[in-house]
Amino acid sequence: MNEESPSIDEIAHTLTFSQLTPEQWKVWKAQMRRCPQWFVLGKPGWNADRWRALAGPFNNPQEAQRVADTYADDGMRGDHQDLRLVYCTQVKSLTETVRMYRNNLLQVAEDLEDAGLSGSPPLMPIADEDTTAPRLPS
């Protein structure tokens, strides 16, 4: 991850996209092109939960992809797939992440903090062994 760059929390508190002038917007876009940042987003694969930021920022998409691969889970256990264990990940640029969060950088920072505290993506509770269908959250 970037050691010299400001944290996403610092960016979130200082940048409000709805108040950017057209000139500020151009400067911000130019900076993102010169030094792009990448984030890992994830969500359980079988439900409609939103994508959550899990890690970042990274200097390049390859580094972010390595982390995304550690979080991803296809749910395969032996010769069967357990849908309750499926976890999808994707790598997105800062611009794409901001768009997915609808410019809510504070939510990005909160999700990154939550993921950093837990050390792993959120998983749904496992149902009884004889249950084969995924259990939806309450």
N, C-alpha and C. Protein backbone atom coordinates (compact mmCIF):
# COMPACT_ATOMS: atom_id res chain seq x y z
N MET A 1 0.83 -1.17 0.00
CA MET A 1 0.00 0.00 0.00
C MET A 1 0.88 1.24 0.00
N ASN A 2 0.31 2.35 -0.35
CA ASN A 2 1.08 3.59 -0.43
C ASN A 2 1.44 4.06 0.96
N GLU A 3 2.74 4.24 1.22
CA GLU A 3 3.19 4.75 2.51
C GLU A 3 3.22 6.28 2.53
N GLU A 4 3.52 6.91 1.37
CA GLU A 4 3.67 8.34 1.31
C GLU A 4 2.36 9.07 1.04
N SER A 5 1.39 8.40 0.50
CA SER A 5 0.13 9.03 0.13
C SER A 5 -0.72 9.30 1.36
N PRO A 6 -1.58 10.30 1.30
CA PRO A 6 -2.50 10.52 2.42
C PRO A 6 -3.45 9.34 2.54
N SER A 7 -3.90 9.10 3.74
CA SER A 7 -4.82 7.98 3.95
C SER A 7 -6.17 8.29 3.32
N ILE A 8 -6.94 7.24 3.06
CA ILE A 8 -8.27 7.44 2.48
C ILE A 8 -9.15 8.24 3.44
N ASP A 9 -8.91 8.10 4.74
CA ASP A 9 -9.68 8.86 5.72
C ASP A 9 -9.36 10.35 5.60
N GLU A 10 -8.09 10.70 5.39
CA GLU A 10 -7.71 12.10 5.20
C GLU A 10 -8.33 12.65 3.92
N ILE A 11 -8.29 11.87 2.87
CA ILE A 11 -8.90 12.29 1.60
C ILE A 11 -10.40 12.51 1.80
N ALA A 12 -11.04 11.59 2.49
CA ALA A 12 -12.49 11.66 2.70
C ALA A 12 -12.89 12.93 3.43
N HIS A 13 -12.09 13.33 4.40
CA HIS A 13 -12.44 14.52 5.18
C HIS A 13 -12.14 15.82 4.45
N THR A 14 -11.26 15.79 3.48
CA THR A 14 -10.88 17.04 2.81
C THR A 14 -11.51 17.23 1.44
N LEU A 15 -12.07 16.18 0.87
CA LEU A 15 -12.55 16.26 -0.51
C LEU A 15 -14.05 16.02 -0.56
N THR A 16 -14.77 16.96 -1.10
CA THR A 16 -16.20 16.82 -1.32
C THR A 16 -16.44 17.07 -2.80
N PHE A 17 -16.77 16.01 -3.52
CA PHE A 17 -16.87 16.11 -4.98
C PHE A 17 -17.97 17.05 -5.43
N SER A 18 -19.04 17.15 -4.69
CA SER A 18 -20.14 18.00 -5.14
C SER A 18 -19.76 19.48 -5.09
N GLN A 19 -18.69 19.83 -4.36
CA GLN A 19 -18.29 21.23 -4.27
C GLN A 19 -17.07 21.56 -5.13
N LEU A 20 -16.59 20.61 -5.91
CA LEU A 20 -15.45 20.88 -6.77
C LEU A 20 -15.85 21.77 -7.94
N THR A 21 -14.98 22.72 -8.23
CA THR A 21 -15.18 23.52 -9.43
C THR A 21 -14.75 22.69 -10.62
N PRO A 22 -15.15 23.05 -11.82
CA PRO A 22 -14.69 22.31 -13.00
C PRO A 22 -13.16 22.24 -13.09
N GLU A 23 -12.49 23.33 -12.72
CA GLU A 23 -11.01 23.33 -12.76
C GLU A 23 -10.43 22.36 -11.71
N GLN A 24 -10.99 22.34 -10.51
CA GLN A 24 -10.53 21.41 -9.47
C GLN A 24 -10.77 19.96 -9.91
N TRP A 25 -11.90 19.74 -10.56
CA TRP A 25 -12.21 18.40 -11.04
C TRP A 25 -11.17 17.94 -12.07
N LYS A 26 -10.78 18.83 -12.97
CA LYS A 26 -9.75 18.50 -13.97
C LYS A 26 -8.42 18.18 -13.30
N VAL A 27 -8.05 18.97 -12.30
CA VAL A 27 -6.79 18.74 -11.57
C VAL A 27 -6.84 17.38 -10.88
N TRP A 28 -7.95 17.07 -10.23
CA TRP A 28 -8.09 15.79 -9.53
C TRP A 28 -7.99 14.63 -10.51
N LYS A 29 -8.66 14.72 -11.64
CA LYS A 29 -8.60 13.66 -12.64
C LYS A 29 -7.19 13.49 -13.18
N ALA A 30 -6.50 14.59 -13.41
CA ALA A 30 -5.12 14.51 -13.91
C ALA A 30 -4.22 13.82 -12.88
N GLN A 31 -4.40 14.13 -11.61
CA GLN A 31 -3.62 13.49 -10.55
C GLN A 31 -3.89 11.99 -10.51
N MET A 32 -5.13 11.59 -10.65
CA MET A 32 -5.48 10.17 -10.63
C MET A 32 -4.90 9.44 -11.84
N ARG A 33 -4.73 10.12 -12.96
CA ARG A 33 -4.11 9.50 -14.13
C ARG A 33 -2.60 9.35 -13.94
N ARG A 34 -1.97 10.35 -13.31
CA ARG A 34 -0.53 10.31 -13.08
C ARG A 34 -0.16 9.25 -12.03
N CYS A 35 -0.94 9.16 -11.00
CA CYS A 35 -0.62 8.26 -9.89
C CYS A 35 -1.90 7.56 -9.45
N PRO A 36 -2.38 6.60 -10.25
CA PRO A 36 -3.65 5.94 -9.91
C PRO A 36 -3.52 5.09 -8.65
N GLN A 37 -4.62 4.95 -7.96
CA GLN A 37 -4.68 4.11 -6.77
C GLN A 37 -5.76 3.06 -7.00
N TRP A 38 -5.56 1.89 -6.39
CA TRP A 38 -6.43 0.76 -6.60
C TRP A 38 -6.92 0.22 -5.27
N PHE A 39 -8.17 -0.27 -5.27
CA PHE A 39 -8.79 -0.80 -4.06
C PHE A 39 -9.37 -2.17 -4.34
N VAL A 40 -9.45 -2.97 -3.29
CA VAL A 40 -10.09 -4.29 -3.35
C VAL A 40 -11.47 -4.14 -2.75
N LEU A 41 -12.48 -4.55 -3.51
CA LEU A 41 -13.87 -4.53 -3.05
C LEU A 41 -14.37 -5.96 -2.98
N GLY A 42 -15.26 -6.24 -2.04
CA GLY A 42 -15.77 -7.60 -1.92
C GLY A 42 -17.20 -7.63 -1.41
N LYS A 43 -17.84 -8.78 -1.64
CA LYS A 43 -19.20 -9.00 -1.14
C LYS A 43 -19.50 -10.49 -1.19
N PRO A 44 -20.40 -10.94 -0.31
CA PRO A 44 -20.83 -12.34 -0.41
C PRO A 44 -21.45 -12.58 -1.78
N GLY A 45 -21.15 -13.71 -2.39
CA GLY A 45 -21.54 -13.95 -3.77
C GLY A 45 -22.98 -14.28 -4.00
N TRP A 46 -23.71 -14.69 -2.98
CA TRP A 46 -25.07 -15.18 -3.22
C TRP A 46 -26.16 -14.23 -2.78
N ASN A 47 -25.81 -13.10 -2.21
CA ASN A 47 -26.88 -12.18 -1.80
C ASN A 47 -26.68 -10.81 -2.44
N ALA A 48 -27.57 -9.91 -2.14
CA ALA A 48 -27.57 -8.59 -2.79
C ALA A 48 -26.87 -7.54 -1.94
N ASP A 49 -26.03 -7.96 -0.99
CA ASP A 49 -25.31 -7.00 -0.18
C ASP A 49 -24.45 -6.12 -1.08
N ARG A 50 -24.16 -4.92 -0.64
CA ARG A 50 -23.37 -4.00 -1.45
C ARG A 50 -21.90 -4.39 -1.44
N TRP A 51 -21.18 -3.90 -2.44
CA TRP A 51 -19.74 -4.09 -2.48
C TRP A 51 -19.12 -3.23 -1.38
N ARG A 52 -18.15 -3.78 -0.65
CA ARG A 52 -17.49 -3.06 0.43
C ARG A 52 -15.99 -3.01 0.16
N ALA A 53 -15.39 -1.87 0.47
CA ALA A 53 -13.94 -1.73 0.34
C ALA A 53 -13.27 -2.58 1.41
N LEU A 54 -12.34 -3.44 0.99
CA LEU A 54 -11.65 -4.34 1.91
C LEU A 54 -10.21 -3.93 2.16
N ALA A 55 -9.55 -3.38 1.14
CA ALA A 55 -8.13 -3.03 1.26
C ALA A 55 -7.76 -1.98 0.23
N GLY A 56 -6.75 -1.21 0.56
CA GLY A 56 -6.24 -0.21 -0.36
C GLY A 56 -5.80 1.02 0.40
N PRO A 57 -5.23 1.98 -0.25
CA PRO A 57 -4.94 2.02 -1.69
C PRO A 57 -3.64 1.28 -2.02
N PHE A 58 -3.58 0.77 -3.24
CA PHE A 58 -2.41 0.08 -3.77
C PHE A 58 -1.86 0.90 -4.92
N ASN A 59 -0.57 0.72 -5.18
CA ASN A 59 0.09 1.46 -6.27
C ASN A 59 -0.23 0.91 -7.64
N ASN A 60 -0.56 -0.38 -7.73
CA ASN A 60 -0.84 -0.97 -9.03
C ASN A 60 -1.91 -2.05 -8.90
N PRO A 61 -2.59 -2.34 -9.99
CA PRO A 61 -3.69 -3.32 -9.92
C PRO A 61 -3.20 -4.74 -9.65
N GLN A 62 -1.97 -5.06 -10.00
CA GLN A 62 -1.45 -6.41 -9.77
C GLN A 62 -1.31 -6.69 -8.27
N GLU A 63 -0.80 -5.70 -7.55
CA GLU A 63 -0.67 -5.85 -6.09
C GLU A 63 -2.06 -5.98 -5.46
N ALA A 64 -2.99 -5.17 -5.91
CA ALA A 64 -4.36 -5.25 -5.39
C ALA A 64 -5.00 -6.60 -5.74
N GLN A 65 -4.72 -7.11 -6.92
CA GLN A 65 -5.30 -8.39 -7.33
C GLN A 65 -4.80 -9.53 -6.44
N ARG A 66 -3.53 -9.49 -6.05
CA ARG A 66 -3.00 -10.52 -5.15
C ARG A 66 -3.78 -10.54 -3.84
N VAL A 67 -4.07 -9.37 -3.32
CA VAL A 67 -4.85 -9.29 -2.08
C VAL A 67 -6.29 -9.75 -2.33
N ALA A 68 -6.87 -9.32 -3.45
CA ALA A 68 -8.24 -9.74 -3.78
C ALA A 68 -8.34 -11.26 -3.87
N ASP A 69 -7.32 -11.89 -4.44
CA ASP A 69 -7.34 -13.35 -4.55
C ASP A 69 -7.32 -14.04 -3.19
N THR A 70 -6.69 -13.41 -2.20
CA THR A 70 -6.68 -14.02 -0.86
C THR A 70 -8.05 -13.93 -0.20
N TYR A 71 -8.82 -12.89 -0.51
CA TYR A 71 -10.16 -12.74 0.05
C TYR A 71 -11.20 -13.58 -0.69
N ALA A 72 -11.01 -13.79 -1.98
CA ALA A 72 -12.01 -14.48 -2.80
C ALA A 72 -12.13 -15.94 -2.37
N ASP A 73 -13.35 -16.45 -2.48
CA ASP A 73 -13.61 -17.85 -2.14
C ASP A 73 -14.70 -18.35 -3.07
N ASP A 74 -14.43 -19.44 -3.77
CA ASP A 74 -15.42 -19.99 -4.69
C ASP A 74 -16.41 -20.93 -4.00
N GLY A 75 -16.20 -21.18 -2.72
CA GLY A 75 -17.13 -22.00 -1.95
C GLY A 75 -16.93 -23.50 -2.13
N MET A 76 -15.95 -23.89 -2.92
CA MET A 76 -15.73 -25.32 -3.16
C MET A 76 -15.07 -25.96 -1.93
N ARG A 77 -15.71 -27.00 -1.42
CA ARG A 77 -15.18 -27.79 -0.32
C ARG A 77 -15.29 -29.25 -0.73
N GLY A 78 -14.17 -29.81 -1.07
CA GLY A 78 -14.19 -31.18 -1.56
C GLY A 78 -14.79 -31.22 -2.95
N ASP A 79 -15.86 -32.01 -3.11
CA ASP A 79 -16.48 -32.13 -4.43
C ASP A 79 -17.81 -31.39 -4.55
N HIS A 80 -18.12 -30.53 -3.57
CA HIS A 80 -19.37 -29.76 -3.68
C HIS A 80 -19.11 -28.28 -3.36
N GLN A 81 -20.01 -27.44 -3.84
CA GLN A 81 -19.89 -26.01 -3.62
C GLN A 81 -20.89 -25.58 -2.56
N ASP A 82 -20.40 -24.90 -1.54
CA ASP A 82 -21.24 -24.36 -0.48
C ASP A 82 -21.45 -22.88 -0.78
N LEU A 83 -22.65 -22.52 -1.21
CA LEU A 83 -22.94 -21.15 -1.60
C LEU A 83 -22.80 -20.16 -0.45
N ARG A 84 -22.92 -20.64 0.77
CA ARG A 84 -22.77 -19.75 1.93
C ARG A 84 -21.34 -19.25 2.08
N LEU A 85 -20.39 -19.93 1.46
CA LEU A 85 -18.98 -19.56 1.59
C LEU A 85 -18.45 -18.76 0.41
N VAL A 86 -19.25 -18.60 -0.64
CA VAL A 86 -18.80 -17.86 -1.83
C VAL A 86 -18.60 -16.40 -1.45
N TYR A 87 -17.43 -15.87 -1.81
CA TYR A 87 -17.13 -14.46 -1.58
C TYR A 87 -16.46 -13.91 -2.83
N CYS A 88 -17.07 -12.88 -3.42
CA CYS A 88 -16.59 -12.29 -4.67
C CYS A 88 -15.74 -11.06 -4.37
N THR A 89 -14.69 -10.87 -5.15
CA THR A 89 -13.86 -9.68 -5.01
C THR A 89 -13.61 -9.08 -6.39
N GLN A 90 -13.27 -7.81 -6.39
CA GLN A 90 -12.87 -7.14 -7.61
C GLN A 90 -11.92 -6.01 -7.27
N VAL A 91 -11.10 -5.64 -8.23
CA VAL A 91 -10.15 -4.55 -8.07
C VAL A 91 -10.68 -3.36 -8.86
N LYS A 92 -10.74 -2.22 -8.19
CA LYS A 92 -11.25 -1.00 -8.83
C LYS A 92 -10.31 0.16 -8.55
N SER A 93 -10.23 1.06 -9.50
CA SER A 93 -9.45 2.28 -9.30
C SER A 93 -10.17 3.16 -8.28
N LEU A 94 -9.47 4.17 -7.78
CA LEU A 94 -10.09 5.09 -6.84
C LEU A 94 -11.31 5.75 -7.47
N THR A 95 -11.19 6.14 -8.72
CA THR A 95 -12.32 6.78 -9.41
C THR A 95 -13.52 5.85 -9.48
N GLU A 96 -13.29 4.59 -9.84
CA GLU A 96 -14.38 3.62 -9.92
C GLU A 96 -14.97 3.34 -8.54
N THR A 97 -14.11 3.28 -7.54
CA THR A 97 -14.57 3.05 -6.17
C THR A 97 -15.45 4.20 -5.70
N VAL A 98 -15.00 5.42 -5.97
CA VAL A 98 -15.78 6.60 -5.58
C VAL A 98 -17.14 6.58 -6.29
N ARG A 99 -17.15 6.20 -7.56
CA ARG A 99 -18.41 6.13 -8.31
C ARG A 99 -19.35 5.08 -7.70
N MET A 100 -18.79 3.91 -7.35
CA MET A 100 -19.61 2.84 -6.77
C MET A 100 -20.18 3.27 -5.42
N TYR A 101 -19.45 4.07 -4.68
CA TYR A 101 -19.90 4.57 -3.38
C TYR A 101 -20.70 5.86 -3.49
N ARG A 102 -20.99 6.27 -4.70
CA ARG A 102 -21.76 7.49 -4.97
C ARG A 102 -21.16 8.70 -4.24
N ASN A 103 -19.83 8.82 -4.37
CA ASN A 103 -19.06 9.94 -3.82
C ASN A 103 -19.02 9.98 -2.29
N ASN A 104 -19.42 8.92 -1.63
CA ASN A 104 -19.41 8.89 -0.17
C ASN A 104 -18.07 8.34 0.32
N LEU A 105 -17.05 9.21 0.34
CA LEU A 105 -15.71 8.78 0.74
C LEU A 105 -15.64 8.42 2.22
N LEU A 106 -16.49 9.01 3.02
CA LEU A 106 -16.51 8.64 4.44
C LEU A 106 -16.91 7.17 4.60
N GLN A 107 -17.84 6.70 3.77
CA GLN A 107 -18.25 5.29 3.83
C GLN A 107 -17.11 4.38 3.36
N VAL A 108 -16.35 4.81 2.35
CA VAL A 108 -15.19 4.05 1.90
C VAL A 108 -14.22 3.91 3.06
N ALA A 109 -13.92 5.03 3.74
CA ALA A 109 -12.98 5.00 4.86
C ALA A 109 -13.49 4.10 5.99
N GLU A 110 -14.78 4.17 6.29
CA GLU A 110 -15.35 3.31 7.34
C GLU A 110 -15.24 1.83 6.96
N ASP A 111 -15.55 1.50 5.72
CA ASP A 111 -15.46 0.10 5.28
C ASP A 111 -14.02 -0.40 5.34
N LEU A 112 -13.06 0.45 4.92
CA LEU A 112 -11.66 0.05 4.99
C LEU A 112 -11.22 -0.15 6.43
N GLU A 113 -11.69 0.72 7.31
CA GLU A 113 -11.35 0.58 8.73
C GLU A 113 -11.95 -0.70 9.30
N ASP A 114 -13.21 -0.97 8.98
CA ASP A 114 -13.86 -2.20 9.46
C ASP A 114 -13.14 -3.44 8.94
N ALA A 115 -12.77 -3.44 7.68
CA ALA A 115 -12.06 -4.59 7.10
C ALA A 115 -10.69 -4.74 7.74
N GLY A 116 -10.03 -3.63 8.02
CA GLY A 116 -8.71 -3.68 8.65
C GLY A 116 -8.76 -4.22 10.06
N LEU A 117 -9.84 -3.92 10.78
CA LEU A 117 -9.98 -4.40 12.15
C LEU A 117 -10.27 -5.88 12.19
N SER A 118 -11.06 -6.36 11.24
CA SER A 118 -11.41 -7.78 11.25
C SER A 118 -10.34 -8.64 10.62
N GLY A 119 -9.60 -8.08 9.66
CA GLY A 119 -8.54 -8.84 9.00
C GLY A 119 -9.04 -9.78 7.94
N SER A 120 -10.33 -9.92 7.78
CA SER A 120 -10.89 -10.80 6.75
C SER A 120 -12.25 -10.26 6.35
N PRO A 121 -12.72 -10.65 5.16
CA PRO A 121 -14.02 -10.16 4.71
C PRO A 121 -15.14 -10.72 5.58
N PRO A 122 -16.26 -10.00 5.68
CA PRO A 122 -17.36 -10.50 6.49
C PRO A 122 -17.95 -11.76 5.88
N LEU A 123 -18.19 -12.74 6.70
CA LEU A 123 -18.79 -14.00 6.24
C LEU A 123 -20.14 -14.18 6.90
N MET A 124 -21.02 -14.84 6.19
CA MET A 124 -22.34 -15.14 6.75
C MET A 124 -22.21 -16.34 7.68
N PRO A 125 -23.04 -16.41 8.71
CA PRO A 125 -22.97 -17.57 9.61
C PRO A 125 -23.32 -18.85 8.86
N ILE A 126 -22.68 -19.94 9.23
CA ILE A 126 -22.89 -21.23 8.60
C ILE A 126 -24.10 -21.90 9.25
N ALA A 127 -24.98 -22.41 8.40
CA ALA A 127 -26.17 -23.11 8.89
C ALA A 127 -25.79 -24.52 9.33
N ASP A 128 -26.77 -25.27 9.81
CA ASP A 128 -26.54 -26.65 10.21
C ASP A 128 -25.95 -27.44 9.05
N GLU A 129 -25.23 -28.50 9.37
CA GLU A 129 -24.54 -29.30 8.36
C GLU A 129 -25.49 -29.87 7.31
N ASP A 130 -26.73 -30.26 7.70
CA ASP A 130 -27.63 -30.88 6.71
C ASP A 130 -28.35 -29.86 5.84
N THR A 131 -28.19 -28.58 6.12
CA THR A 131 -28.85 -27.55 5.31
C THR A 131 -27.99 -27.28 4.08
N THR A 132 -28.61 -27.35 2.91
CA THR A 132 -27.85 -27.13 1.68
C THR A 132 -28.13 -25.77 1.06
N ALA A 133 -29.25 -25.15 1.36
CA ALA A 133 -29.57 -23.85 0.79
C ALA A 133 -28.95 -22.74 1.63
N PRO A 134 -28.52 -21.65 1.01
CA PRO A 134 -27.94 -20.56 1.78
C PRO A 134 -28.99 -19.89 2.66
N ARG A 135 -28.54 -19.43 3.81
CA ARG A 135 -29.44 -18.75 4.73
C ARG A 135 -29.29 -17.26 4.50
N LEU A 136 -30.39 -16.57 4.26
CA LEU A 136 -30.36 -15.13 4.03
C LEU A 136 -30.26 -14.42 5.35
N PRO A 137 -29.55 -13.26 5.37
CA PRO A 137 -29.44 -12.51 6.61
C PRO A 137 -30.78 -11.94 7.01
N SER A 138 -30.99 -11.79 8.30
CA SER A 138 -32.26 -11.27 8.83
C SER A 138 -32.31 -9.77 8.70
